[in-house]
């Protein structure tokens, strides 16, 4: 049987459900901050960020774990903290204020997850993705910690909405398109100044866009120039500051040596509290990070020939599982929830792989239908089913390129569960797509539509 308009929840019904989900998200996050706020400290990177922001306010110099100028981290998150500290101080009141602001950002993340899922799929999938995100425990926990993930996740979701609009909005005027490319350049700079790993993604998106949209060469050159100029304008204060402070060009950060060296230790053997006993020392931040890079290269030259297959496994499957195989739950916080959260995360990942495989299967299997709609596989779109919006998916390849890019990058360096948090909205989107599709098949709402079963 086919679904009718009466069978579908009304637009008002969807808004009410979304409102309830956002209220749940707000209640959970504010509740955790109110009850556990002062306990939400890791004494790890969070301490460095807090000290950096506080010293920036008092001295005008951005530092990190020292009194000397630093480019080890990007300036956006310390600036975010400093703005709040300027109003509430950097004591306990200021720390709680940051937690509450990040809790609000956590609710915004739930909303942006909904908006992205609705843009590329349909309302039921979007509501489910937002609901799952609203009570995903690591996402709640991270909102109370002084780490880049909350701010970066919100910015990255807005960035993804921009990518989808640029690549799939066929009604864009040339002026509108040029403006969006400028906005893309500015957003890329903002992301890169929050976490440097995002800086090279526009190269991936450019390759995708060259395949996806057939534009005249002149428009490509113009849009590329606008993107580069906007990116350079927003990056230039950081570049100038670094050149003045360090007498050299530092495009993003000096912190690449640390994760590169850490990533050479298979399964973290010999690492205690994030460092190895044989790590070199240096004279200042730049010298130390350069020595880390050289020592990482030396370790690989020495050890890879001895254990080639073990290192191959570590730099492929091992690091991938370290980043994606488990949730971020700091050992001293929420220990009693850890087993449940592990299962929840693993099932979400399983469903997400199912959703991604299903979307790609349909994209390929319905290529003739796409050609009949005036395009081919380059549309990167799964057509909707005849009964309604079910099954549709715009841009599955585009969205999958994002976690793929970051996975490859972190496989070259180092990654763990905390680094998957900004991309969990995509995991939940694909998981929700799979759950909704399986539900529809089990309920028989698509019987006779194209073909029976989920692989129609």
Protein backbone atom coordinates (compact mmCIF):
# COMPACT_ATOMS: atom_id res chain seq x y z
CA UNK A 1 0.00 0.00 0.00
CA UNK A 2 1.11 3.56 -0.61
CA UNK A 3 1.21 6.30 1.94
CA UNK A 4 -1.16 9.24 1.56
CA UNK A 5 -0.98 12.81 2.75
CA UNK A 6 -3.25 11.90 5.67
CA UNK A 7 -0.84 9.18 6.74
CA UNK A 8 2.10 11.52 6.96
CA UNK A 9 2.69 13.74 9.99
CA UNK A 10 1.79 17.30 9.23
CA UNK A 11 4.36 20.03 8.98
CA UNK A 12 3.13 21.35 12.32
CA UNK A 13 3.53 17.89 13.80
CA UNK A 14 7.15 17.79 12.64
CA UNK A 15 7.80 21.20 14.16
CA UNK A 16 6.33 20.07 17.48
CA UNK A 17 8.46 16.92 17.48
CA UNK A 18 11.55 18.94 16.61
CA UNK A 19 10.75 21.38 19.40
CA UNK A 20 10.42 18.50 21.87
CA UNK A 21 13.76 17.05 20.72
CA UNK A 22 15.51 20.40 21.11
CA UNK A 23 13.97 20.84 24.56
CA UNK A 24 15.22 17.36 25.54
CA UNK A 25 18.69 18.27 24.26
CA UNK A 26 18.66 21.53 26.25
CA UNK A 27 17.39 19.84 29.41
CA UNK A 28 20.05 17.11 29.31
CA UNK A 29 22.93 19.51 28.65
CA UNK A 30 21.93 22.15 31.14
CA UNK A 31 21.22 19.44 33.70
CA UNK A 32 24.70 17.95 33.33
CA UNK A 33 26.36 21.37 33.56
CA UNK A 34 24.29 22.34 36.61
CA UNK A 35 24.88 19.07 38.49
CA UNK A 36 28.39 18.12 37.38
CA UNK A 37 29.89 21.33 36.03
CA UNK A 38 32.88 21.71 38.40
CA UNK A 39 33.74 18.01 37.94
CA UNK A 40 34.00 18.29 34.14
CA UNK A 41 37.74 18.81 34.01
CA UNK A 42 40.27 16.51 32.33
CA UNK A 43 43.50 18.31 33.28
CA UNK A 44 44.66 17.65 29.76
CA UNK A 45 44.26 19.85 26.66
CA UNK A 46 41.36 21.61 28.40
CA UNK A 47 43.70 23.11 30.99
CA UNK A 48 45.92 24.46 28.19
CA UNK A 49 42.99 26.12 26.43
CA UNK A 50 41.72 27.75 29.62
CA UNK A 51 45.17 29.06 30.54
CA UNK A 52 45.72 30.28 26.99
CA UNK A 53 42.49 32.29 27.00
CA UNK A 54 43.09 33.75 30.47
CA UNK A 55 46.66 34.84 29.65
CA UNK A 56 45.52 36.26 26.31
CA UNK A 57 43.15 38.54 28.20
CA UNK A 58 45.72 39.69 30.75
CA UNK A 59 48.86 39.91 28.57
CA UNK A 60 47.55 40.26 25.03
CA UNK A 61 49.66 37.27 23.96
CA UNK A 62 48.31 33.87 22.97
CA UNK A 63 50.25 31.09 24.71
CA UNK A 64 49.85 27.37 25.31
CA UNK A 65 51.31 25.74 28.44
CA UNK A 66 53.99 28.44 28.70
CA UNK A 67 54.48 32.18 28.99
CA UNK A 68 55.92 32.42 25.47
CA UNK A 69 53.91 33.13 22.31
CA UNK A 70 52.52 29.94 20.78
CA UNK A 71 51.19 28.76 17.42
CA UNK A 72 50.69 25.18 18.65
CA UNK A 73 46.90 25.64 18.53
CA UNK A 74 44.65 27.79 16.38
CA UNK A 75 43.32 31.05 17.83
CA UNK A 76 39.56 30.61 17.35
CA UNK A 77 38.76 28.45 20.39
CA UNK A 78 40.97 30.42 22.82
CA UNK A 79 39.34 33.59 21.46
CA UNK A 80 35.90 32.05 22.04
CA UNK A 81 36.84 31.34 25.67
CA UNK A 82 38.43 34.77 26.10
CA UNK A 83 35.25 36.55 25.00
CA UNK A 84 33.24 34.74 27.67
CA UNK A 85 35.98 35.21 30.28
CA UNK A 86 35.98 38.95 29.56
CA UNK A 87 32.39 39.09 30.81
CA UNK A 88 32.46 36.51 33.63
CA UNK A 89 36.12 36.20 34.56
CA UNK A 90 38.29 33.09 34.25
CA UNK A 91 37.35 31.67 37.66
CA UNK A 92 34.65 29.12 38.39
CA UNK A 93 31.88 31.51 37.34
CA UNK A 94 33.53 32.04 33.97
CA UNK A 95 34.13 28.30 33.51
CA UNK A 96 30.47 27.57 34.20
CA UNK A 97 29.45 30.32 31.77
CA UNK A 98 31.51 28.63 29.06
CA UNK A 99 29.84 25.31 29.81
CA UNK A 100 26.37 26.83 29.51
CA UNK A 101 27.25 28.57 26.24
CA UNK A 102 28.63 25.30 24.88
CA UNK A 103 25.46 23.54 26.04
CA UNK A 104 23.50 25.99 23.88
CA UNK A 105 25.88 25.22 21.02
CA UNK A 106 25.13 21.55 21.65
CA UNK A 107 21.43 22.25 21.11
CA UNK A 108 22.32 24.18 17.95
CA UNK A 109 24.25 21.11 16.80
CA UNK A 110 21.09 19.02 17.19
CA UNK A 111 19.15 21.58 15.14
CA UNK A 112 21.83 21.75 12.43
CA UNK A 113 21.87 17.94 12.29
CA UNK A 114 18.13 18.06 11.62
CA UNK A 115 18.47 20.77 8.96
CA UNK A 116 21.26 18.91 7.14
CA UNK A 117 19.40 15.59 7.23
CA UNK A 118 16.17 17.24 6.06
CA UNK A 119 18.03 18.93 3.19
CA UNK A 120 19.52 15.70 1.88
CA UNK A 121 16.87 13.11 2.86
CA UNK A 122 13.36 13.60 4.26
CA UNK A 123 11.71 14.75 7.53
CA UNK A 124 11.43 11.40 9.31
CA UNK A 125 15.11 10.63 8.84
CA UNK A 126 15.95 14.17 9.95
CA UNK A 127 13.88 13.90 13.11
CA UNK A 128 15.41 10.55 14.02
CA UNK A 129 18.96 11.85 13.43
CA UNK A 130 18.25 14.87 15.64
CA UNK A 131 16.70 12.67 18.34
CA UNK A 132 19.69 10.32 18.39
CA UNK A 133 22.07 13.29 18.54
CA UNK A 134 20.10 14.88 21.39
CA UNK A 135 21.02 12.15 23.87
CA UNK A 136 24.25 10.74 22.41
CA UNK A 137 26.27 10.79 25.68
CA UNK A 138 29.71 11.83 24.30
CA UNK A 139 28.05 14.80 22.60
CA UNK A 140 26.53 15.84 25.94
CA UNK A 141 29.77 15.28 27.84
CA UNK A 142 31.91 17.23 25.36
CA UNK A 143 29.67 20.29 25.76
CA UNK A 144 30.85 20.56 29.37
CA UNK A 145 34.56 20.25 28.55
CA UNK A 146 36.94 22.98 27.43
CA UNK A 147 37.87 21.40 24.11
CA UNK A 148 37.48 22.49 20.49
CA UNK A 149 34.97 19.78 19.56
CA UNK A 150 31.73 21.60 20.44
CA UNK A 151 32.57 24.78 18.56
CA UNK A 152 34.14 22.89 15.65
CA UNK A 153 31.13 20.56 15.29
CA UNK A 154 28.71 23.49 15.06
CA UNK A 155 30.89 25.29 12.51
CA UNK A 156 31.44 22.10 10.52
CA UNK A 157 27.71 21.38 10.28
CA UNK A 158 27.09 24.90 8.95
CA UNK A 159 29.97 24.29 6.53
CA UNK A 160 28.34 21.05 5.32
CA UNK A 161 25.06 22.85 4.67
CA UNK A 162 27.02 25.35 2.57
CA UNK A 163 28.73 22.53 0.64
CA UNK A 164 25.37 20.90 -0.14
CA UNK A 165 23.89 24.19 -1.31
CA UNK A 166 26.87 24.95 -3.55
CA UNK A 167 26.87 21.51 -5.12
CA UNK A 168 23.16 20.68 -5.35
CA UNK A 169 21.26 23.95 -5.70
CA UNK A 170 20.61 24.17 -9.43
CA UNK A 171 18.82 27.52 -9.10
CA UNK A 172 21.86 29.53 -8.03
CA UNK A 173 22.56 32.68 -9.99
CA UNK A 174 26.15 33.42 -11.01
CA UNK A 175 26.36 36.21 -8.44
CA UNK A 176 24.89 33.99 -5.74
CA UNK A 177 27.33 31.24 -6.65
CA UNK A 178 30.30 33.62 -6.44
CA UNK A 179 29.12 34.90 -3.06
CA UNK A 180 28.86 31.36 -1.73
CA UNK A 181 32.39 30.56 -2.91
CA UNK A 182 33.60 33.60 -0.99
CA UNK A 183 31.66 32.40 2.06
CA UNK A 184 33.23 28.95 1.58
CA UNK A 185 36.71 30.50 1.67
CA UNK A 186 35.92 32.44 4.85
CA UNK A 187 34.37 29.37 6.51
CA UNK A 188 37.36 27.23 5.57
CA UNK A 189 39.67 29.74 7.25
CA UNK A 190 37.49 29.77 10.36
CA UNK A 191 37.56 25.97 10.53
CA UNK A 192 41.32 25.82 9.88
CA UNK A 193 41.93 28.32 12.69
CA UNK A 194 39.90 26.10 14.99
CA UNK A 195 41.43 22.79 13.90
CA UNK A 196 44.17 22.82 11.26
CA UNK A 197 43.18 19.39 9.90
CA UNK A 198 40.28 20.98 8.00
CA UNK A 199 42.46 23.22 5.83
CA UNK A 200 42.89 20.85 2.89
CA UNK A 201 39.29 19.66 2.53
CA UNK A 202 38.44 22.31 -0.12
CA UNK A 203 40.79 20.43 -2.48
CA UNK A 204 38.58 17.35 -2.06
CA UNK A 205 35.43 19.42 -2.55
CA UNK A 206 36.90 21.04 -5.69
CA UNK A 207 37.50 17.61 -7.25
CA UNK A 208 33.95 16.61 -6.32
CA UNK A 209 32.50 19.82 -7.73
CA UNK A 210 34.42 19.47 -11.00
CA UNK A 211 32.77 16.07 -11.37
CA UNK A 212 29.35 17.16 -10.10
CA UNK A 213 28.82 20.48 -11.91
CA UNK A 214 29.70 21.22 -15.51
CA UNK A 215 30.61 24.91 -15.42
CA UNK A 216 32.49 27.03 -17.99
CA UNK A 217 36.21 27.41 -17.31
CA UNK A 218 35.83 31.16 -16.79
CA UNK A 219 33.37 30.62 -13.93
CA UNK A 220 35.63 28.02 -12.34
CA UNK A 221 38.58 30.42 -12.42
CA UNK A 222 36.53 33.28 -11.03
CA UNK A 223 35.00 31.20 -8.24
CA UNK A 224 38.38 29.68 -7.36
CA UNK A 225 39.95 33.14 -7.15
CA UNK A 226 37.14 34.42 -4.92
CA UNK A 227 37.51 31.41 -2.62
CA UNK A 228 41.28 31.86 -2.39
CA UNK A 229 41.02 35.60 -1.73
CA UNK A 230 38.39 35.19 1.00
CA UNK A 231 40.44 32.42 2.61
CA UNK A 232 43.62 34.52 2.49
CA UNK A 233 41.93 37.64 3.88
CA UNK A 234 40.59 35.75 6.90
CA UNK A 235 43.86 33.90 7.45
CA UNK A 236 46.14 36.92 7.01
CA UNK A 237 45.97 38.26 10.62
CA UNK A 238 47.17 34.85 11.86
CA UNK A 239 49.89 34.66 9.20
CA UNK A 240 51.15 38.18 10.02
CA UNK A 241 51.08 37.54 13.77
CA UNK A 242 53.06 34.30 13.36
CA UNK A 243 55.65 35.94 11.11
CA UNK A 244 56.13 38.78 13.58
CA UNK A 245 56.40 36.41 16.57
CA UNK A 246 58.45 33.59 15.01
CA UNK A 247 60.14 35.21 12.01
CA UNK A 248 58.81 32.53 9.69
CA UNK A 249 55.64 31.71 7.76
CA UNK A 250 53.39 29.37 9.78
CA UNK A 251 50.17 28.80 7.83
CA UNK A 252 48.13 26.94 10.45
CA UNK A 253 49.95 25.66 13.53
CA UNK A 254 53.24 24.28 14.77
CA UNK A 255 51.63 21.25 16.39
CA UNK A 256 52.10 18.63 13.65
CA UNK A 257 55.16 16.95 15.20
CA UNK A 258 53.39 15.73 18.33
CA UNK A 259 50.60 13.66 16.65
CA UNK A 260 52.97 12.48 13.91
CA UNK A 261 55.35 11.00 16.49
CA UNK A 262 52.54 9.63 18.66
CA UNK A 263 51.13 7.83 15.63
CA UNK A 264 54.32 5.81 15.15
CA UNK A 265 53.67 3.81 18.34
CA UNK A 266 51.57 0.76 17.44
CA UNK A 267 48.64 0.39 19.84
CA UNK A 268 50.26 3.13 21.95
CA UNK A 269 52.89 0.69 23.24
CA UNK A 270 55.31 2.51 25.55
CA UNK A 271 53.19 5.68 25.73
CA UNK A 272 52.47 7.00 29.23
CA UNK A 273 50.25 10.06 29.70
CA UNK A 274 50.53 10.89 26.01
CA UNK A 275 54.33 10.85 25.70
CA UNK A 276 57.10 8.31 25.25
CA UNK A 277 60.09 7.95 27.60
CA UNK A 278 62.56 8.37 24.73
CA UNK A 279 61.08 11.51 23.17
CA UNK A 280 63.59 14.28 22.43
CA UNK A 281 63.65 17.63 24.17
CA UNK A 282 63.92 20.96 22.43
CA UNK A 283 64.66 24.63 22.87
CA UNK A 284 61.21 26.14 22.51
CA UNK A 285 58.03 25.10 20.72
CA UNK A 286 59.28 25.28 17.12
CA UNK A 287 62.50 23.40 17.83
CA UNK A 288 60.69 20.73 19.85
CA UNK A 289 58.04 20.07 17.19
CA UNK A 290 60.70 19.87 14.48
CA UNK A 291 62.64 17.32 16.54
CA UNK A 292 59.43 15.33 17.03
CA UNK A 293 58.96 15.19 13.25
CA UNK A 294 62.52 14.05 12.66
CA UNK A 295 62.30 11.42 15.39
CA UNK A 296 58.99 10.14 13.96
CA UNK A 297 60.65 9.70 10.56
CA UNK A 298 63.62 7.94 12.18
CA UNK A 299 61.30 5.56 14.03
CA UNK A 300 59.45 4.65 10.84
CA UNK A 301 62.70 4.11 8.91
CA UNK A 302 63.99 1.87 11.66
CA UNK A 303 60.86 -0.10 12.57
CA UNK A 304 58.80 -0.48 9.38
CA UNK A 305 61.37 -2.79 7.69
CA UNK A 306 61.38 -4.92 10.86
CA UNK A 307 57.58 -5.26 11.12
CA UNK A 308 56.11 -4.18 7.75
CA UNK A 309 52.77 -5.99 8.05
CA UNK A 310 52.21 -4.84 11.61
CA UNK A 311 52.80 -1.22 10.62
CA UNK A 312 50.62 -1.60 7.52
CA UNK A 313 47.78 -2.86 9.70
CA UNK A 314 48.33 -0.05 12.23
CA UNK A 315 48.34 2.72 9.61
CA UNK A 316 45.16 1.39 8.00
CA UNK A 317 42.79 -0.69 10.11
CA UNK A 318 44.38 -0.03 13.51
CA UNK A 319 44.17 3.76 13.52
CA UNK A 320 40.76 3.70 11.83
CA UNK A 321 39.35 1.53 14.63
CA UNK A 322 41.08 3.67 17.26
CA UNK A 323 39.26 6.71 15.90
CA UNK A 324 35.87 5.21 15.06
CA UNK A 325 35.61 1.98 17.05
CA UNK A 326 34.59 3.49 20.37
CA UNK A 327 33.01 6.62 21.85
CA UNK A 328 34.87 9.40 23.61
CA UNK A 329 34.27 8.81 27.33
CA UNK A 330 37.06 10.06 29.58
CA UNK A 331 37.93 7.29 32.09
CA UNK A 332 37.24 9.32 35.21
CA UNK A 333 33.88 10.66 34.01
CA UNK A 334 30.67 8.68 33.63
CA UNK A 335 32.42 5.32 34.13
CA UNK A 336 29.15 3.64 35.03
CA UNK A 337 27.71 4.58 31.61
CA UNK A 338 30.67 3.32 29.61
CA UNK A 339 29.44 -0.21 28.76
CA UNK A 340 26.06 1.08 27.59
CA UNK A 341 27.62 3.90 25.58
CA UNK A 342 30.05 1.46 23.94
CA UNK A 343 27.14 -0.68 22.71
CA UNK A 344 25.17 2.38 21.61
CA UNK A 345 28.12 3.73 19.63
CA UNK A 346 28.89 0.39 17.99
CA UNK A 347 25.29 -0.15 16.91
CA UNK A 348 25.18 3.39 15.52
CA UNK A 349 28.34 2.72 13.53
CA UNK A 350 26.91 -0.56 12.24
CA UNK A 351 23.68 1.11 11.16
CA UNK A 352 25.64 4.00 9.61
CA UNK A 353 27.69 1.61 7.49
CA UNK A 354 24.42 -0.03 6.48
CA UNK A 355 22.89 3.34 5.56
CA UNK A 356 25.94 4.39 3.54
CA UNK A 357 26.05 1.06 1.70
CA UNK A 358 22.32 1.25 1.02
CA UNK A 359 22.51 4.79 -0.35
CA UNK A 360 25.47 3.92 -2.60
CA UNK A 361 23.74 0.75 -3.81
CA UNK A 362 20.63 2.68 -4.81
CA UNK A 363 22.66 5.46 -6.37
CA UNK A 364 24.40 2.95 -8.61
CA UNK A 365 21.42 0.65 -9.17
CA UNK A 366 19.13 3.47 -10.32
CA UNK A 367 21.57 5.14 -12.71
CA UNK A 368 19.26 4.65 -15.70
CA UNK A 369 16.54 6.49 -13.83
CA UNK A 370 18.98 9.32 -13.10
CA UNK A 371 19.83 9.53 -16.79
CA UNK A 372 16.13 9.78 -17.57
CA UNK A 373 15.88 12.71 -15.16
CA UNK A 374 18.36 14.68 -17.21
CA UNK A 375 21.62 13.54 -15.67
CA UNK A 376 23.67 10.54 -14.70
CA UNK A 377 25.63 9.28 -11.76
CA UNK A 378 27.33 12.67 -11.46
CA UNK A 379 24.09 13.95 -9.93
CA UNK A 380 25.13 12.15 -6.72
CA UNK A 381 21.52 11.62 -5.81
CA UNK A 382 19.24 8.75 -4.90
CA UNK A 383 15.79 9.42 -6.44
CA UNK A 384 12.76 9.44 -4.20
CA UNK A 385 10.34 6.53 -4.31
CA UNK A 386 7.05 6.89 -6.13
CA UNK A 387 5.07 6.68 -2.91
CA UNK A 388 6.67 9.82 -1.46
CA UNK A 389 9.94 11.23 -0.23
CA UNK A 390 11.17 7.93 1.23
CA UNK A 391 14.48 6.60 -0.01
CA UNK A 392 15.75 9.87 -1.43
CA UNK A 393 19.26 11.04 -0.63
CA UNK A 394 21.02 14.04 -2.14
CA UNK A 395 24.80 14.03 -2.02
CA UNK A 396 25.73 10.74 -0.33
CA UNK A 397 29.17 10.81 -1.97
CA UNK A 398 29.74 14.40 -0.88
CA UNK A 399 28.87 13.68 2.74
CA UNK A 400 30.89 10.45 2.81
CA UNK A 401 33.92 12.32 1.47
CA UNK A 402 34.12 14.28 4.75
CA UNK A 403 34.70 11.44 7.25
CA UNK A 404 36.82 9.70 4.59
CA UNK A 405 39.11 12.74 4.31
CA UNK A 406 39.53 13.08 8.08
CA UNK A 407 40.03 9.32 8.53
CA UNK A 408 42.88 9.30 5.99
CA UNK A 409 44.45 12.36 7.60
CA UNK A 410 44.27 10.93 11.11
CA UNK A 411 45.57 7.57 9.87
CA UNK A 412 48.70 9.41 8.71
CA UNK A 413 49.03 11.11 12.09
CA UNK A 414 46.99 10.01 15.09
CA UNK A 415 43.35 9.84 16.08
CA UNK A 416 41.17 8.51 18.89
CA UNK A 417 37.53 8.58 19.93
CA UNK A 418 37.45 12.29 20.70
CA UNK A 419 38.24 13.08 17.08
CA UNK A 420 35.12 11.34 15.77
CA UNK A 421 32.74 13.66 17.66
CA UNK A 422 32.50 16.42 14.99
CA UNK A 423 31.42 13.81 12.43
CA UNK A 424 28.89 11.93 14.54
CA UNK A 425 26.06 13.99 13.00
CA UNK A 426 26.91 12.31 9.69
CA UNK A 427 27.09 8.90 11.37
CA UNK A 428 23.67 9.47 12.90
CA UNK A 429 22.28 10.72 9.58
CA UNK A 430 23.32 7.55 7.73
CA UNK A 431 22.22 5.39 10.67
CA UNK A 432 18.80 7.06 10.68
CA UNK A 433 18.49 6.60 6.91
CA UNK A 434 19.08 2.88 7.38
CA UNK A 435 16.66 2.56 10.32
CA UNK A 436 13.85 4.39 8.50
CA UNK A 437 14.33 2.31 5.36
CA UNK A 438 14.29 -0.98 7.30
CA UNK A 439 11.21 0.16 9.21
CA UNK A 440 9.36 0.99 6.00
CA UNK A 441 10.16 -2.39 4.48
CA UNK A 442 9.11 -4.25 7.63
CA UNK A 443 5.86 -2.27 7.76
CA UNK A 444 5.20 -2.99 4.10
CA UNK A 445 4.61 0.63 3.11
CA UNK A 446 6.60 0.24 -0.09
CA UNK A 447 5.27 -3.07 -1.32
CA UNK A 448 5.21 -3.03 -5.11
CA UNK A 449 7.26 0.15 -5.40
CA UNK A 450 10.01 -0.52 -7.96
CA UNK A 451 10.92 -3.80 -6.31
CA UNK A 452 10.27 -5.55 -3.07
CA UNK A 453 12.74 -5.22 -0.27
CA UNK A 454 15.28 -2.72 0.89
CA UNK A 455 17.55 -2.99 -2.17
CA UNK A 456 14.96 -1.64 -4.60
